N, C-alpha and C. Protein backbone atom coordinates (compact mmCIF):
# COMPACT_ATOMS: atom_id res chain seq x y z
N MET A 1 -4.43 -11.03 -27.37
CA MET A 1 -4.88 -12.17 -26.61
C MET A 1 -5.24 -13.33 -27.52
N VAL A 2 -5.90 -13.00 -28.62
CA VAL A 2 -6.27 -14.05 -29.58
C VAL A 2 -5.01 -14.66 -30.18
N ARG A 3 -4.03 -13.81 -30.43
CA ARG A 3 -2.76 -14.31 -30.99
C ARG A 3 -2.08 -15.27 -30.03
N LEU A 4 -2.09 -14.93 -28.74
CA LEU A 4 -1.49 -15.80 -27.73
C LEU A 4 -2.21 -17.14 -27.67
N LEU A 5 -3.53 -17.10 -27.65
CA LEU A 5 -4.30 -18.35 -27.61
C LEU A 5 -4.06 -19.19 -28.86
N PHE A 6 -4.01 -18.55 -30.02
CA PHE A 6 -3.77 -19.27 -31.26
C PHE A 6 -2.37 -19.88 -31.26
N THR A 7 -1.39 -19.12 -30.78
CA THR A 7 -0.02 -19.64 -30.72
C THR A 7 0.07 -20.84 -29.78
N MET A 8 -0.56 -20.73 -28.62
CA MET A 8 -0.56 -21.85 -27.68
C MET A 8 -1.23 -23.07 -28.29
N PHE A 9 -2.34 -22.87 -28.98
CA PHE A 9 -3.04 -23.98 -29.63
C PHE A 9 -2.15 -24.64 -30.69
N MET A 10 -1.43 -23.82 -31.44
CA MET A 10 -0.55 -24.38 -32.47
C MET A 10 0.59 -25.18 -31.85
N TRP A 11 1.20 -24.68 -30.77
CA TRP A 11 2.29 -25.41 -30.11
C TRP A 11 1.79 -26.74 -29.55
N VAL A 12 0.60 -26.74 -28.97
CA VAL A 12 0.03 -27.99 -28.45
C VAL A 12 -0.21 -28.97 -29.60
N THR A 13 -0.73 -28.46 -30.70
CA THR A 13 -0.99 -29.32 -31.85
C THR A 13 0.31 -29.91 -32.39
N VAL A 14 1.34 -29.10 -32.52
CA VAL A 14 2.64 -29.59 -33.02
C VAL A 14 3.24 -30.59 -32.04
N ALA A 15 3.13 -30.32 -30.74
CA ALA A 15 3.69 -31.24 -29.74
C ALA A 15 2.97 -32.59 -29.77
N ARG A 16 1.66 -32.57 -29.93
CA ARG A 16 0.92 -33.84 -30.02
C ARG A 16 1.29 -34.61 -31.28
N TRP A 17 1.50 -33.87 -32.37
CA TRP A 17 1.91 -34.52 -33.61
C TRP A 17 3.29 -35.16 -33.44
N LEU A 18 4.22 -34.43 -32.81
CA LEU A 18 5.55 -34.99 -32.58
C LEU A 18 5.48 -36.25 -31.70
N TYR A 19 4.64 -36.22 -30.68
CA TYR A 19 4.50 -37.39 -29.82
C TYR A 19 3.95 -38.58 -30.60
N ALA A 20 2.98 -38.31 -31.46
CA ALA A 20 2.42 -39.39 -32.28
C ALA A 20 3.48 -39.94 -33.23
N GLU A 21 4.32 -39.08 -33.78
CA GLU A 21 5.39 -39.54 -34.66
C GLU A 21 6.41 -40.39 -33.90
N VAL A 22 6.71 -40.02 -32.65
CA VAL A 22 7.63 -40.82 -31.85
C VAL A 22 7.01 -42.18 -31.57
N GLU A 23 5.71 -42.21 -31.29
CA GLU A 23 5.03 -43.49 -31.06
C GLU A 23 5.11 -44.41 -32.27
N LEU A 24 4.99 -43.82 -33.47
CA LEU A 24 5.03 -44.63 -34.69
C LEU A 24 6.45 -45.00 -35.10
N SER A 25 7.36 -44.03 -35.02
CA SER A 25 8.72 -44.23 -35.54
C SER A 25 9.64 -44.96 -34.56
N ALA A 26 9.54 -44.61 -33.29
CA ALA A 26 10.45 -45.17 -32.29
C ALA A 26 9.67 -45.49 -31.01
N PRO A 27 8.88 -46.54 -31.02
CA PRO A 27 8.06 -46.84 -29.84
C PRO A 27 8.88 -47.13 -28.58
N PHE A 28 10.14 -47.50 -28.73
CA PHE A 28 10.98 -47.76 -27.57
C PHE A 28 11.31 -46.47 -26.80
N LEU A 29 11.13 -45.31 -27.45
CA LEU A 29 11.38 -44.02 -26.78
C LEU A 29 10.18 -43.50 -25.99
N VAL A 30 9.02 -44.10 -26.17
CA VAL A 30 7.81 -43.61 -25.53
C VAL A 30 7.94 -43.58 -24.00
N PRO A 31 8.46 -44.62 -23.34
CA PRO A 31 8.61 -44.53 -21.87
C PRO A 31 9.52 -43.39 -21.43
N ALA A 32 10.59 -43.15 -22.17
CA ALA A 32 11.50 -42.05 -21.83
C ALA A 32 10.81 -40.70 -22.01
N VAL A 33 10.06 -40.56 -23.09
CA VAL A 33 9.34 -39.30 -23.34
C VAL A 33 8.27 -39.09 -22.27
N ASP A 34 7.56 -40.16 -21.91
CA ASP A 34 6.55 -40.05 -20.86
C ASP A 34 7.17 -39.65 -19.53
N SER A 35 8.32 -40.21 -19.20
CA SER A 35 9.01 -39.85 -17.96
C SER A 35 9.44 -38.38 -17.98
N LEU A 36 9.94 -37.93 -19.11
CA LEU A 36 10.33 -36.54 -19.25
C LEU A 36 9.13 -35.61 -19.10
N LEU A 37 8.01 -35.99 -19.70
CA LEU A 37 6.80 -35.17 -19.60
C LEU A 37 6.28 -35.10 -18.17
N GLU A 38 6.43 -36.17 -17.41
CA GLU A 38 6.02 -36.14 -16.01
C GLU A 38 6.87 -35.18 -15.19
N VAL A 39 8.16 -35.10 -15.53
CA VAL A 39 9.06 -34.22 -14.78
C VAL A 39 8.75 -32.76 -15.07
N VAL A 40 8.48 -32.41 -16.31
CA VAL A 40 8.28 -31.00 -16.68
C VAL A 40 6.82 -30.57 -16.63
N GLN A 41 5.93 -31.46 -16.25
CA GLN A 41 4.51 -31.14 -16.22
C GLN A 41 4.20 -30.10 -15.15
N ILE A 42 3.38 -29.12 -15.49
CA ILE A 42 2.93 -28.10 -14.54
C ILE A 42 1.81 -28.73 -13.72
N PRO A 43 1.89 -28.63 -12.39
CA PRO A 43 0.85 -29.26 -11.57
C PRO A 43 -0.49 -28.54 -11.69
N THR A 44 -1.54 -29.31 -11.65
CA THR A 44 -2.89 -28.73 -11.68
C THR A 44 -3.26 -28.25 -10.28
N HIS A 45 -4.36 -27.53 -10.17
CA HIS A 45 -4.71 -26.90 -8.90
C HIS A 45 -4.97 -27.91 -7.79
N ASP A 46 -5.32 -29.14 -8.11
CA ASP A 46 -5.55 -30.13 -7.07
C ASP A 46 -4.24 -30.69 -6.50
N GLN A 47 -3.11 -30.35 -7.11
CA GLN A 47 -1.81 -30.81 -6.64
C GLN A 47 -1.01 -29.70 -5.96
N TRP A 48 -1.56 -28.49 -5.88
CA TRP A 48 -0.86 -27.38 -5.25
C TRP A 48 -0.81 -27.58 -3.74
N PRO A 49 0.26 -27.10 -3.08
CA PRO A 49 0.31 -27.18 -1.62
C PRO A 49 -0.74 -26.25 -1.01
N GLU A 50 -1.29 -26.67 0.12
CA GLU A 50 -2.39 -25.91 0.73
C GLU A 50 -1.92 -24.78 1.64
N GLU A 51 -0.67 -24.80 2.11
CA GLU A 51 -0.21 -23.81 3.08
C GLU A 51 -0.29 -22.37 2.54
N PRO A 52 0.19 -22.09 1.31
CA PRO A 52 0.08 -20.70 0.83
C PRO A 52 -1.37 -20.25 0.69
N LEU A 53 -2.25 -21.16 0.31
CA LEU A 53 -3.66 -20.81 0.18
C LEU A 53 -4.24 -20.45 1.54
N HIS A 54 -3.94 -21.26 2.56
CA HIS A 54 -4.45 -20.98 3.90
C HIS A 54 -3.89 -19.66 4.44
N ALA A 55 -2.63 -19.37 4.14
CA ALA A 55 -2.04 -18.11 4.59
C ALA A 55 -2.73 -16.92 3.93
N ALA A 56 -3.01 -17.01 2.63
CA ALA A 56 -3.68 -15.92 1.93
C ALA A 56 -5.11 -15.74 2.44
N LEU A 57 -5.79 -16.85 2.70
CA LEU A 57 -7.16 -16.76 3.22
C LEU A 57 -7.20 -16.16 4.62
N SER A 58 -6.23 -16.52 5.44
CA SER A 58 -6.23 -15.96 6.80
C SER A 58 -5.93 -14.47 6.76
N GLU A 59 -5.06 -14.03 5.83
CA GLU A 59 -4.80 -12.60 5.71
C GLU A 59 -6.03 -11.87 5.19
N ALA A 60 -6.73 -12.46 4.24
CA ALA A 60 -7.96 -11.84 3.73
C ALA A 60 -9.02 -11.80 4.81
N ARG A 61 -9.07 -12.82 5.67
CA ARG A 61 -10.05 -12.87 6.74
C ARG A 61 -9.83 -11.71 7.72
N VAL A 62 -8.57 -11.31 7.95
CA VAL A 62 -8.28 -10.18 8.83
C VAL A 62 -8.91 -8.91 8.28
N TYR A 63 -8.78 -8.70 6.98
CA TYR A 63 -9.34 -7.50 6.37
C TYR A 63 -10.86 -7.56 6.25
N LEU A 64 -11.42 -8.77 6.12
CA LEU A 64 -12.87 -8.88 6.09
C LEU A 64 -13.47 -8.65 7.47
N ASP A 65 -12.78 -9.08 8.52
CA ASP A 65 -13.26 -8.86 9.88
C ASP A 65 -13.11 -7.41 10.31
N ASN A 66 -12.07 -6.74 9.82
CA ASN A 66 -11.81 -5.36 10.20
C ASN A 66 -11.43 -4.56 8.96
N PRO A 67 -12.41 -4.07 8.19
CA PRO A 67 -12.10 -3.35 6.95
C PRO A 67 -11.33 -2.06 7.18
N GLU A 68 -11.41 -1.50 8.39
CA GLU A 68 -10.68 -0.27 8.68
C GLU A 68 -9.17 -0.50 8.63
N ALA A 69 -8.73 -1.73 8.91
CA ALA A 69 -7.30 -2.04 8.85
C ALA A 69 -6.79 -1.88 7.42
N LEU A 70 -7.56 -2.35 6.46
CA LEU A 70 -7.17 -2.20 5.05
C LEU A 70 -7.18 -0.73 4.66
N TYR A 71 -8.21 0.00 5.06
CA TYR A 71 -8.31 1.41 4.72
C TYR A 71 -7.15 2.19 5.31
N SER A 72 -6.80 1.91 6.57
CA SER A 72 -5.72 2.66 7.19
C SER A 72 -4.38 2.36 6.55
N SER A 73 -4.16 1.11 6.10
CA SER A 73 -2.89 0.80 5.44
C SER A 73 -2.80 1.50 4.08
N VAL A 74 -3.89 1.56 3.35
CA VAL A 74 -3.91 2.28 2.07
C VAL A 74 -3.73 3.77 2.30
N GLU A 75 -4.41 4.28 3.34
CA GLU A 75 -4.30 5.70 3.65
C GLU A 75 -2.86 6.08 4.01
N ARG A 76 -2.16 5.22 4.76
CA ARG A 76 -0.76 5.49 5.08
C ARG A 76 0.11 5.54 3.84
N ARG A 77 -0.14 4.64 2.90
CA ARG A 77 0.63 4.65 1.64
C ARG A 77 0.40 5.93 0.86
N LEU A 78 -0.87 6.33 0.77
CA LEU A 78 -1.18 7.53 0.00
C LEU A 78 -0.63 8.78 0.68
N ALA A 79 -0.55 8.78 1.99
CA ALA A 79 -0.03 9.93 2.71
C ALA A 79 1.46 10.13 2.42
N GLN A 80 2.15 9.09 2.06
CA GLN A 80 3.58 9.19 1.76
C GLN A 80 3.84 9.77 0.37
N ARG A 81 2.84 9.79 -0.46
CA ARG A 81 3.02 10.26 -1.84
C ARG A 81 2.66 11.73 -1.96
N SER A 82 3.27 12.39 -2.90
CA SER A 82 2.87 13.75 -3.24
C SER A 82 2.77 13.82 -4.76
N TYR A 83 1.86 14.66 -5.22
CA TYR A 83 1.60 14.78 -6.65
C TYR A 83 1.66 16.25 -7.06
N PRO A 84 2.87 16.86 -7.05
CA PRO A 84 2.96 18.29 -7.39
C PRO A 84 2.58 18.58 -8.83
N GLU A 85 2.77 17.63 -9.73
CA GLU A 85 2.44 17.88 -11.13
C GLU A 85 0.93 18.04 -11.34
N TYR A 86 0.13 17.57 -10.36
CA TYR A 86 -1.31 17.72 -10.46
C TYR A 86 -1.84 18.80 -9.52
N GLY A 87 -0.94 19.51 -8.86
CA GLY A 87 -1.35 20.57 -7.97
C GLY A 87 -1.65 20.10 -6.55
N PHE A 88 -1.29 18.85 -6.22
CA PHE A 88 -1.51 18.35 -4.88
C PHE A 88 -0.17 18.21 -4.18
N ASP A 89 -0.03 18.84 -3.02
CA ASP A 89 1.16 18.65 -2.23
C ASP A 89 1.12 17.29 -1.55
N ARG A 90 -0.01 16.98 -1.02
CA ARG A 90 -0.23 15.68 -0.38
C ARG A 90 -1.58 15.18 -0.81
N PHE A 91 -1.68 13.90 -1.00
CA PHE A 91 -2.95 13.32 -1.41
C PHE A 91 -3.76 13.00 -0.19
């Protein structure tokens, strides 16, 4: 995990350095680079569409209102499995 964070930090540092070099060496390319960065930018959470969030919350609300529904769905899944290597025919 530390390696991943360090690698990400290094890539960000190199990318910022490259951008600064473009600003100094070829300032006429800055608008093109900015436009490209806007296209490939990952949206932040305030720009995400709300429909999937509302769908997930409404599904969670069903299980919060009736916890037995969640238990019965898990129980059905476990009933389909068998674990003979552990000495259980059915769980």
